[in-house]
Amino acid sequence: MAINIKKCTFEDLGSLQGISVETFNETFSNQNSPENMKAYLDRAFNLKQLEKELSDSSSEFYFIYFNEEIAGYLKVNTEDAQSEVMGNDSLEVERIYIRKKFHKQGLGKYLINKAIEIAVQCNKEKIWLGVWEKNKNAISFYEKMKFVHTGTHSFYMGEEEQIDFIMTKQL
């Protein structure tokens, strides 16, 4: 079992878009209307939006490979790229997306550890993330990784407002 992590570049844009749509659909399509899913996917994962995010020096994307196949990715944000004002001592884990066929392989833990490594290199004191209040598996995983529920924020799936738990880990 070979696991590798590689920073994404502009050449990865098509793969990044494909895996974003695939994993988001796998995770959330059963709990959201097709209209709201389409609205979100079209807004969040169009090539222009992903190119903008890749261009932001305060955001980084990393693919995780399992036996040389892209299994998922991590997106982290610092400074003004964070989706909430959390201060310059914080690093946001905006996305950990793992393709369904690679679930239960420990890849999420690899990506959290990569985020912690980046945060330490950047002299951050904490990392944080938002997770949908109904995503019980993810919440349980983050709790095992020593994140604690510290607040909430709104996440819009199309027109529908949903609540994300903000979970934080002190470093």
N, C-alpha and C. Protein backbone atom coordinates (compact mmCIF):
# COMPACT_ATOMS: atom_id res chain seq x y z
N MET A 1 0.86 -1.19 0.00
CA MET A 1 0.00 0.00 0.00
C MET A 1 0.89 1.24 0.00
N ALA A 2 0.92 1.94 -1.11
CA ALA A 2 1.73 3.15 -1.23
C ALA A 2 0.82 4.37 -1.13
N ILE A 3 1.14 5.26 -0.18
CA ILE A 3 0.38 6.50 -0.01
C ILE A 3 1.35 7.66 -0.20
N ASN A 4 0.98 8.57 -1.10
CA ASN A 4 1.81 9.74 -1.36
C ASN A 4 0.93 10.98 -1.38
N ILE A 5 1.52 12.11 -1.00
CA ILE A 5 0.83 13.40 -1.04
C ILE A 5 1.64 14.32 -1.94
N LYS A 6 0.94 15.03 -2.84
CA LYS A 6 1.60 15.91 -3.80
C LYS A 6 0.83 17.21 -3.91
N LYS A 7 1.54 18.33 -3.86
CA LYS A 7 0.92 19.63 -4.00
C LYS A 7 0.35 19.79 -5.42
N CYS A 8 -0.86 20.33 -5.51
CA CYS A 8 -1.51 20.52 -6.80
C CYS A 8 -0.97 21.76 -7.51
N THR A 9 -0.95 21.68 -8.83
CA THR A 9 -0.54 22.80 -9.68
C THR A 9 -1.66 23.08 -10.69
N PHE A 10 -1.47 24.10 -11.52
CA PHE A 10 -2.48 24.43 -12.52
C PHE A 10 -2.70 23.28 -13.51
N GLU A 11 -1.69 22.45 -13.72
CA GLU A 11 -1.84 21.30 -14.62
C GLU A 11 -2.84 20.29 -14.05
N ASP A 12 -3.11 20.36 -12.75
CA ASP A 12 -4.02 19.43 -12.09
C ASP A 12 -5.47 19.91 -12.07
N LEU A 13 -5.74 21.05 -12.69
CA LEU A 13 -7.06 21.69 -12.59
C LEU A 13 -8.20 20.75 -12.98
N GLY A 14 -8.07 20.04 -14.10
CA GLY A 14 -9.13 19.14 -14.54
C GLY A 14 -9.36 18.00 -13.55
N SER A 15 -8.28 17.42 -13.05
CA SER A 15 -8.41 16.34 -12.05
C SER A 15 -9.02 16.87 -10.76
N LEU A 16 -8.62 18.07 -10.36
CA LEU A 16 -9.15 18.68 -9.15
C LEU A 16 -10.66 18.89 -9.28
N GLN A 17 -11.09 19.40 -10.44
CA GLN A 17 -12.51 19.61 -10.65
C GLN A 17 -13.27 18.27 -10.62
N GLY A 18 -12.74 17.29 -11.32
CA GLY A 18 -13.42 15.99 -11.37
C GLY A 18 -13.58 15.35 -10.01
N ILE A 19 -12.53 15.37 -9.23
CA ILE A 19 -12.59 14.74 -7.91
C ILE A 19 -13.45 15.55 -6.95
N SER A 20 -13.47 16.86 -7.11
CA SER A 20 -14.33 17.71 -6.26
C SER A 20 -15.80 17.36 -6.48
N VAL A 21 -16.21 17.31 -7.74
CA VAL A 21 -17.60 17.01 -8.07
C VAL A 21 -17.95 15.58 -7.63
N GLU A 22 -17.07 14.64 -7.94
CA GLU A 22 -17.33 13.23 -7.59
C GLU A 22 -17.51 13.05 -6.09
N THR A 23 -16.58 13.56 -5.29
CA THR A 23 -16.64 13.32 -3.85
C THR A 23 -17.78 14.09 -3.20
N PHE A 24 -18.05 15.30 -3.68
CA PHE A 24 -19.15 16.08 -3.10
C PHE A 24 -20.48 15.39 -3.38
N ASN A 25 -20.65 14.90 -4.61
CA ASN A 25 -21.86 14.16 -4.95
C ASN A 25 -22.00 12.90 -4.10
N GLU A 26 -20.92 12.13 -3.98
CA GLU A 26 -20.96 10.89 -3.20
C GLU A 26 -21.37 11.16 -1.75
N THR A 27 -20.90 12.26 -1.21
CA THR A 27 -21.11 12.54 0.20
C THR A 27 -22.46 13.18 0.49
N PHE A 28 -22.91 14.08 -0.38
CA PHE A 28 -24.04 14.93 -0.01
C PHE A 28 -25.29 14.82 -0.89
N SER A 29 -25.24 14.12 -2.03
CA SER A 29 -26.39 14.13 -2.94
C SER A 29 -27.63 13.47 -2.33
N ASN A 30 -27.46 12.49 -1.45
CA ASN A 30 -28.62 11.82 -0.85
C ASN A 30 -29.38 12.71 0.13
N GLN A 31 -28.73 13.77 0.62
CA GLN A 31 -29.35 14.60 1.65
C GLN A 31 -29.73 15.99 1.15
N ASN A 32 -29.56 16.23 -0.14
CA ASN A 32 -29.85 17.56 -0.68
C ASN A 32 -30.60 17.43 -2.00
N SER A 33 -31.36 18.45 -2.34
CA SER A 33 -32.13 18.41 -3.58
C SER A 33 -31.18 18.50 -4.78
N PRO A 34 -31.57 17.90 -5.90
CA PRO A 34 -30.74 17.99 -7.11
C PRO A 34 -30.48 19.45 -7.53
N GLU A 35 -31.47 20.32 -7.32
CA GLU A 35 -31.32 21.73 -7.70
C GLU A 35 -30.24 22.41 -6.85
N ASN A 36 -30.29 22.17 -5.53
CA ASN A 36 -29.30 22.77 -4.65
C ASN A 36 -27.91 22.19 -4.89
N MET A 37 -27.84 20.90 -5.17
CA MET A 37 -26.54 20.28 -5.48
C MET A 37 -25.96 20.91 -6.74
N LYS A 38 -26.78 21.01 -7.79
CA LYS A 38 -26.29 21.57 -9.05
C LYS A 38 -25.82 23.01 -8.86
N ALA A 39 -26.60 23.80 -8.13
CA ALA A 39 -26.25 25.20 -7.90
C ALA A 39 -24.90 25.29 -7.18
N TYR A 40 -24.71 24.47 -6.16
CA TYR A 40 -23.46 24.51 -5.41
C TYR A 40 -22.29 24.04 -6.26
N LEU A 41 -22.45 22.90 -6.92
CA LEU A 41 -21.36 22.34 -7.73
C LEU A 41 -20.95 23.32 -8.84
N ASP A 42 -21.94 23.93 -9.49
CA ASP A 42 -21.64 24.88 -10.56
C ASP A 42 -20.88 26.10 -10.05
N ARG A 43 -21.22 26.54 -8.84
CA ARG A 43 -20.57 27.73 -8.27
C ARG A 43 -19.19 27.40 -7.70
N ALA A 44 -19.12 26.33 -6.92
CA ALA A 44 -17.90 26.04 -6.16
C ALA A 44 -16.80 25.38 -6.99
N PHE A 45 -17.19 24.60 -8.00
CA PHE A 45 -16.20 23.77 -8.67
C PHE A 45 -16.08 24.02 -10.16
N ASN A 46 -16.51 25.21 -10.62
CA ASN A 46 -16.25 25.52 -12.02
C ASN A 46 -14.75 25.82 -12.17
N LEU A 47 -14.24 25.63 -13.37
CA LEU A 47 -12.78 25.77 -13.57
C LEU A 47 -12.26 27.15 -13.20
N LYS A 48 -13.03 28.18 -13.50
CA LYS A 48 -12.58 29.55 -13.18
C LYS A 48 -12.44 29.73 -11.67
N GLN A 49 -13.40 29.21 -10.90
CA GLN A 49 -13.35 29.32 -9.44
C GLN A 49 -12.16 28.54 -8.88
N LEU A 50 -11.97 27.31 -9.36
CA LEU A 50 -10.84 26.51 -8.86
C LEU A 50 -9.50 27.12 -9.25
N GLU A 51 -9.43 27.71 -10.43
CA GLU A 51 -8.20 28.38 -10.86
C GLU A 51 -7.91 29.58 -9.94
N LYS A 52 -8.96 30.32 -9.59
CA LYS A 52 -8.81 31.45 -8.67
C LYS A 52 -8.28 30.97 -7.32
N GLU A 53 -8.85 29.87 -6.81
CA GLU A 53 -8.41 29.34 -5.51
C GLU A 53 -6.96 28.85 -5.59
N LEU A 54 -6.61 28.18 -6.68
CA LEU A 54 -5.23 27.70 -6.86
C LEU A 54 -4.24 28.86 -6.96
N SER A 55 -4.70 30.00 -7.47
CA SER A 55 -3.85 31.18 -7.64
C SER A 55 -3.59 31.92 -6.34
N ASP A 56 -4.43 31.69 -5.35
CA ASP A 56 -4.33 32.41 -4.07
C ASP A 56 -3.14 31.87 -3.28
N SER A 57 -2.20 32.73 -2.99
CA SER A 57 -0.98 32.31 -2.28
C SER A 57 -1.27 31.89 -0.83
N SER A 58 -2.47 32.19 -0.32
CA SER A 58 -2.84 31.79 1.04
C SER A 58 -3.65 30.50 1.07
N SER A 59 -3.79 29.84 -0.09
CA SER A 59 -4.48 28.55 -0.18
C SER A 59 -3.54 27.54 -0.84
N GLU A 60 -3.64 26.29 -0.39
CA GLU A 60 -2.86 25.21 -1.00
C GLU A 60 -3.73 23.97 -1.12
N PHE A 61 -3.55 23.25 -2.21
CA PHE A 61 -4.25 21.99 -2.46
C PHE A 61 -3.22 20.87 -2.54
N TYR A 62 -3.58 19.72 -1.99
CA TYR A 62 -2.70 18.55 -2.04
C TYR A 62 -3.52 17.32 -2.41
N PHE A 63 -3.10 16.63 -3.47
CA PHE A 63 -3.70 15.34 -3.80
C PHE A 63 -3.09 14.28 -2.90
N ILE A 64 -3.91 13.30 -2.52
CA ILE A 64 -3.39 12.11 -1.87
C ILE A 64 -3.58 10.94 -2.83
N TYR A 65 -2.51 10.20 -3.01
CA TYR A 65 -2.51 9.06 -3.92
C TYR A 65 -2.48 7.77 -3.11
N PHE A 66 -3.28 6.81 -3.53
CA PHE A 66 -3.28 5.48 -2.93
C PHE A 66 -2.93 4.52 -4.06
N ASN A 67 -1.78 3.87 -3.94
CA ASN A 67 -1.28 3.00 -5.02
C ASN A 67 -1.30 3.71 -6.37
N GLU A 68 -0.79 4.93 -6.38
CA GLU A 68 -0.61 5.77 -7.58
C GLU A 68 -1.89 6.27 -8.22
N GLU A 69 -3.04 6.08 -7.55
CA GLU A 69 -4.31 6.62 -8.05
C GLU A 69 -4.74 7.76 -7.13
N ILE A 70 -5.24 8.86 -7.71
CA ILE A 70 -5.70 9.97 -6.88
C ILE A 70 -6.91 9.49 -6.07
N ALA A 71 -6.75 9.55 -4.76
CA ALA A 71 -7.80 9.08 -3.86
C ALA A 71 -8.60 10.23 -3.26
N GLY A 72 -8.05 11.43 -3.28
CA GLY A 72 -8.72 12.57 -2.68
C GLY A 72 -7.79 13.75 -2.60
N TYR A 73 -8.24 14.76 -1.85
CA TYR A 73 -7.38 15.94 -1.69
C TYR A 73 -7.69 16.71 -0.43
N LEU A 74 -6.73 17.57 -0.11
CA LEU A 74 -6.79 18.47 1.03
C LEU A 74 -6.68 19.90 0.50
N LYS A 75 -7.50 20.80 1.05
CA LYS A 75 -7.33 22.23 0.78
C LYS A 75 -7.18 22.94 2.12
N VAL A 76 -6.10 23.72 2.26
CA VAL A 76 -5.89 24.50 3.47
C VAL A 76 -5.80 25.98 3.11
N ASN A 77 -6.21 26.81 4.08
CA ASN A 77 -6.19 28.27 3.90
C ASN A 77 -5.56 28.94 5.11
N THR A 78 -4.82 30.01 4.84
CA THR A 78 -4.30 30.85 5.90
C THR A 78 -4.70 32.30 5.59
N GLU A 79 -4.36 33.17 6.50
CA GLU A 79 -4.57 34.62 6.35
C GLU A 79 -6.00 34.91 5.86
N ASP A 80 -6.13 35.77 4.84
CA ASP A 80 -7.45 36.22 4.36
C ASP A 80 -8.19 35.16 3.55
N ALA A 81 -7.55 34.07 3.18
CA ALA A 81 -8.22 33.02 2.42
C ALA A 81 -9.15 32.18 3.31
N GLN A 82 -9.01 32.29 4.64
CA GLN A 82 -9.88 31.53 5.53
C GLN A 82 -11.33 31.96 5.33
N SER A 83 -12.25 31.00 5.41
CA SER A 83 -13.66 31.29 5.16
C SER A 83 -14.35 31.97 6.35
N GLU A 84 -13.68 32.04 7.47
CA GLU A 84 -14.13 32.79 8.64
C GLU A 84 -12.93 33.57 9.16
N VAL A 85 -13.19 34.69 9.84
CA VAL A 85 -12.11 35.46 10.44
C VAL A 85 -11.69 34.73 11.72
N MET A 86 -10.54 34.05 11.63
CA MET A 86 -10.06 33.27 12.77
C MET A 86 -8.69 33.75 13.24
N GLY A 87 -8.13 34.74 12.56
CA GLY A 87 -6.85 35.30 12.97
C GLY A 87 -5.68 34.67 12.24
N ASN A 88 -4.57 35.39 12.28
CA ASN A 88 -3.38 34.95 11.57
C ASN A 88 -2.65 33.81 12.26
N ASP A 89 -3.10 33.42 13.46
CA ASP A 89 -2.48 32.28 14.15
C ASP A 89 -3.19 30.97 13.80
N SER A 90 -4.11 31.02 12.82
CA SER A 90 -4.94 29.86 12.47
C SER A 90 -4.71 29.40 11.04
N LEU A 91 -4.90 28.10 10.84
CA LEU A 91 -4.92 27.50 9.51
C LEU A 91 -6.26 26.78 9.37
N GLU A 92 -6.95 27.04 8.28
CA GLU A 92 -8.23 26.39 8.02
C GLU A 92 -8.03 25.16 7.14
N VAL A 93 -8.64 24.06 7.53
CA VAL A 93 -8.77 22.90 6.67
C VAL A 93 -10.13 23.07 5.99
N GLU A 94 -10.13 23.61 4.76
CA GLU A 94 -11.40 23.88 4.11
C GLU A 94 -12.01 22.61 3.52
N ARG A 95 -11.17 21.74 2.98
CA ARG A 95 -11.69 20.51 2.38
C ARG A 95 -10.76 19.33 2.64
N ILE A 96 -11.37 18.25 3.06
CA ILE A 96 -10.75 16.93 2.99
C ILE A 96 -11.76 16.08 2.25
N TYR A 97 -11.47 15.81 1.00
CA TYR A 97 -12.37 15.04 0.15
C TYR A 97 -11.67 13.74 -0.22
N ILE A 98 -12.30 12.64 0.13
CA ILE A 98 -11.77 11.31 -0.19
C ILE A 98 -12.82 10.58 -1.03
N ARG A 99 -12.39 10.05 -2.16
CA ARG A 99 -13.29 9.29 -3.03
C ARG A 99 -13.81 8.07 -2.27
N LYS A 100 -15.09 7.76 -2.47
CA LYS A 100 -15.76 6.71 -1.71
C LYS A 100 -15.00 5.38 -1.73
N LYS A 101 -14.47 5.00 -2.88
CA LYS A 101 -13.80 3.70 -2.95
C LYS A 101 -12.51 3.64 -2.13
N PHE A 102 -12.07 4.81 -1.62
CA PHE A 102 -10.86 4.86 -0.80
C PHE A 102 -11.16 5.13 0.67
N HIS A 103 -12.46 5.13 1.03
CA HIS A 103 -12.81 5.32 2.45
C HIS A 103 -12.27 4.15 3.26
N LYS A 104 -12.07 4.42 4.55
CA LYS A 104 -11.62 3.40 5.52
C LYS A 104 -10.21 2.90 5.24
N GLN A 105 -9.39 3.74 4.61
CA GLN A 105 -7.98 3.38 4.35
C GLN A 105 -7.02 4.23 5.20
N GLY A 106 -7.57 5.09 6.06
CA GLY A 106 -6.72 5.94 6.89
C GLY A 106 -6.23 7.20 6.19
N LEU A 107 -6.80 7.49 5.01
CA LEU A 107 -6.31 8.63 4.23
C LEU A 107 -6.67 9.97 4.85
N GLY A 108 -7.83 10.05 5.48
CA GLY A 108 -8.20 11.29 6.16
C GLY A 108 -7.19 11.66 7.23
N LYS A 109 -6.72 10.66 7.94
CA LYS A 109 -5.73 10.89 8.99
C LYS A 109 -4.42 11.42 8.37
N TYR A 110 -4.02 10.85 7.24
CA TYR A 110 -2.83 11.36 6.54
C TYR A 110 -3.00 12.83 6.19
N LEU A 111 -4.20 13.18 5.70
CA LEU A 111 -4.42 14.57 5.28
C LEU A 111 -4.50 15.52 6.47
N ILE A 112 -5.11 15.10 7.56
CA ILE A 112 -5.11 15.94 8.77
C ILE A 112 -3.68 16.15 9.25
N ASN A 113 -2.89 15.08 9.25
CA ASN A 113 -1.49 15.20 9.67
C ASN A 113 -0.70 16.12 8.74
N LYS A 114 -1.02 16.10 7.44
CA LYS A 114 -0.38 17.02 6.49
C LYS A 114 -0.77 18.46 6.85
N ALA A 115 -2.03 18.69 7.16
CA ALA A 115 -2.49 20.03 7.54
C ALA A 115 -1.78 20.50 8.80
N ILE A 116 -1.61 19.61 9.77
CA ILE A 116 -0.90 19.96 11.01
C ILE A 116 0.56 20.31 10.69
N GLU A 117 1.18 19.52 9.84
CA GLU A 117 2.57 19.77 9.43
C GLU A 117 2.70 21.16 8.78
N ILE A 118 1.77 21.50 7.90
CA ILE A 118 1.79 22.82 7.24
C ILE A 118 1.60 23.92 8.29
N ALA A 119 0.65 23.72 9.20
CA ALA A 119 0.37 24.72 10.23
C ALA A 119 1.60 24.97 11.10
N VAL A 120 2.28 23.90 11.48
CA VAL A 120 3.48 24.03 12.31
C VAL A 120 4.58 24.77 11.54
N GLN A 121 4.75 24.43 10.25
CA GLN A 121 5.75 25.12 9.43
C GLN A 121 5.45 26.61 9.31
N CYS A 122 4.16 26.95 9.33
CA CYS A 122 3.75 28.36 9.21
C CYS A 122 3.58 29.04 10.56
N ASN A 123 4.02 28.36 11.63
CA ASN A 123 3.94 28.91 13.00
C ASN A 123 2.52 29.25 13.43
N LYS A 124 1.57 28.41 13.06
CA LYS A 124 0.18 28.61 13.49
C LYS A 124 -0.03 27.94 14.84
N GLU A 125 -0.97 28.47 15.61
CA GLU A 125 -1.24 27.94 16.93
C GLU A 125 -2.41 26.97 16.95
N LYS A 126 -3.26 27.04 15.91
CA LYS A 126 -4.42 26.14 15.86
C LYS A 126 -4.82 25.89 14.41
N ILE A 127 -5.52 24.78 14.23
CA ILE A 127 -6.15 24.52 12.94
C ILE A 127 -7.64 24.35 13.21
N TRP A 128 -8.43 24.67 12.20
CA TRP A 128 -9.89 24.59 12.37
C TRP A 128 -10.53 24.19 11.06
N LEU A 129 -11.78 23.78 11.16
CA LEU A 129 -12.54 23.40 9.98
C LEU A 129 -14.02 23.53 10.27
N GLY A 130 -14.80 23.56 9.20
CA GLY A 130 -16.25 23.53 9.31
C GLY A 130 -16.74 22.19 8.80
N VAL A 131 -17.68 21.58 9.51
CA VAL A 131 -18.23 20.28 9.10
C VAL A 131 -19.75 20.33 9.30
N TRP A 132 -20.47 19.87 8.29
CA TRP A 132 -21.93 19.91 8.34
C TRP A 132 -22.43 19.17 9.57
N GLU A 133 -23.35 19.79 10.30
CA GLU A 133 -23.87 19.23 11.54
C GLU A 133 -24.49 17.84 11.35
N LYS A 134 -24.91 17.50 10.13
CA LYS A 134 -25.52 16.19 9.86
C LYS A 134 -24.51 15.15 9.39
N ASN A 135 -23.24 15.55 9.22
CA ASN A 135 -22.21 14.62 8.76
C ASN A 135 -21.57 13.95 9.98
N LYS A 136 -22.32 13.02 10.57
CA LYS A 136 -21.92 12.39 11.83
C LYS A 136 -20.59 11.63 11.72
N ASN A 137 -20.36 10.97 10.59
CA ASN A 137 -19.10 10.22 10.42
C ASN A 137 -17.90 11.16 10.46
N ALA A 138 -18.01 12.29 9.76
CA ALA A 138 -16.91 13.25 9.75
C ALA A 138 -16.69 13.86 11.13
N ILE A 139 -17.78 14.20 11.81
CA ILE A 139 -17.66 14.79 13.15
C ILE A 139 -16.95 13.81 14.08
N SER A 140 -17.35 12.56 14.02
CA SER A 140 -16.72 11.53 14.86
C SER A 140 -15.22 11.40 14.54
N PHE A 141 -14.89 11.42 13.25
CA PHE A 141 -13.48 11.35 12.84
C PHE A 141 -12.69 12.53 13.41
N TYR A 142 -13.21 13.74 13.26
CA TYR A 142 -12.48 14.91 13.74
C TYR A 142 -12.34 14.89 15.25
N GLU A 143 -13.35 14.40 15.96
CA GLU A 143 -13.23 14.28 17.41
C GLU A 143 -12.11 13.30 17.77
N LYS A 144 -12.00 12.20 17.04
CA LYS A 144 -10.91 11.24 17.28
C LYS A 144 -9.55 11.89 17.03
N MET A 145 -9.52 12.87 16.11
CA MET A 145 -8.28 13.58 15.80
C MET A 145 -8.06 14.77 16.75
N LYS A 146 -8.86 14.82 17.83
CA LYS A 146 -8.71 15.81 18.92
C LYS A 146 -9.18 17.22 18.54
N PHE A 147 -10.11 17.31 17.60
CA PHE A 147 -10.77 18.59 17.32
C PHE A 147 -11.94 18.72 18.28
N VAL A 148 -12.22 19.96 18.71
CA VAL A 148 -13.37 20.21 19.59
C VAL A 148 -14.31 21.20 18.92
N HIS A 149 -15.59 21.02 19.19
CA HIS A 149 -16.63 21.90 18.65
C HIS A 149 -16.53 23.25 19.35
N THR A 150 -16.25 24.31 18.57
CA THR A 150 -16.05 25.63 19.17
C THR A 150 -17.01 26.69 18.65
N GLY A 151 -17.91 26.33 17.72
CA GLY A 151 -18.85 27.31 17.20
C GLY A 151 -19.60 26.75 16.01
N THR A 152 -20.30 27.64 15.31
CA THR A 152 -21.04 27.27 14.10
C THR A 152 -20.89 28.38 13.07
N HIS A 153 -21.15 28.03 11.82
CA HIS A 153 -21.29 29.04 10.79
C HIS A 153 -22.24 28.52 9.72
N SER A 154 -22.72 29.43 8.89
CA SER A 154 -23.66 29.07 7.83
C SER A 154 -22.91 28.62 6.59
N PHE A 155 -23.49 27.64 5.93
CA PHE A 155 -22.99 27.12 4.66
C PHE A 155 -24.20 27.07 3.74
N TYR A 156 -24.06 27.60 2.53
CA TYR A 156 -25.19 27.64 1.62
C TYR A 156 -25.07 26.59 0.53
N MET A 157 -26.06 25.71 0.52
CA MET A 157 -26.18 24.68 -0.51
C MET A 157 -27.26 25.18 -1.45
N GLY A 158 -26.85 25.85 -2.53
CA GLY A 158 -27.83 26.53 -3.37
C GLY A 158 -28.47 27.64 -2.54
N GLU A 159 -29.79 27.59 -2.44
CA GLU A 159 -30.52 28.60 -1.67
C GLU A 159 -30.69 28.21 -0.20
N GLU A 160 -30.39 26.96 0.12
CA GLU A 160 -30.65 26.45 1.47
C GLU A 160 -29.48 26.73 2.41
N GLU A 161 -29.83 27.38 3.54
CA GLU A 161 -28.82 27.60 4.57
C GLU A 161 -28.69 26.35 5.42
N GLN A 162 -27.45 25.87 5.60
CA GLN A 162 -27.17 24.74 6.45
C GLN A 162 -26.18 25.19 7.52
N ILE A 163 -26.12 24.44 8.60
CA ILE A 163 -25.24 24.81 9.71
C ILE A 163 -24.03 23.87 9.73
N ASP A 164 -22.86 24.48 9.75
CA ASP A 164 -21.61 23.74 9.94
C ASP A 164 -21.13 23.97 11.36
N PHE A 165 -20.66 22.89 11.98
CA PHE A 165 -19.95 23.04 13.24
C PHE A 165 -18.54 23.50 12.94
N ILE A 166 -18.05 24.46 13.67
CA ILE A 166 -16.64 24.82 13.60
C ILE A 166 -15.93 23.98 14.66
N MET A 167 -14.92 23.27 14.21
CA MET A 167 -14.13 22.41 15.10
C MET A 167 -12.68 22.86 15.05
N THR A 168 -12.06 22.94 16.22
CA THR A 168 -10.72 23.52 16.34
C THR A 168 -9.81 22.56 17.09
N LYS A 169 -8.55 22.61 16.70
CA LYS A 169 -7.52 21.82 17.38
C LYS A 169 -6.36 22.76 17.70
N GLN A 170 -6.00 22.85 18.97
CA GLN A 170 -4.84 23.64 19.37
C GLN A 170 -3.58 22.84 19.07
N LEU A 171 -2.55 23.51 18.59
CA LEU A 171 -1.30 22.82 18.27
C LEU A 171 -0.27 23.02 19.38
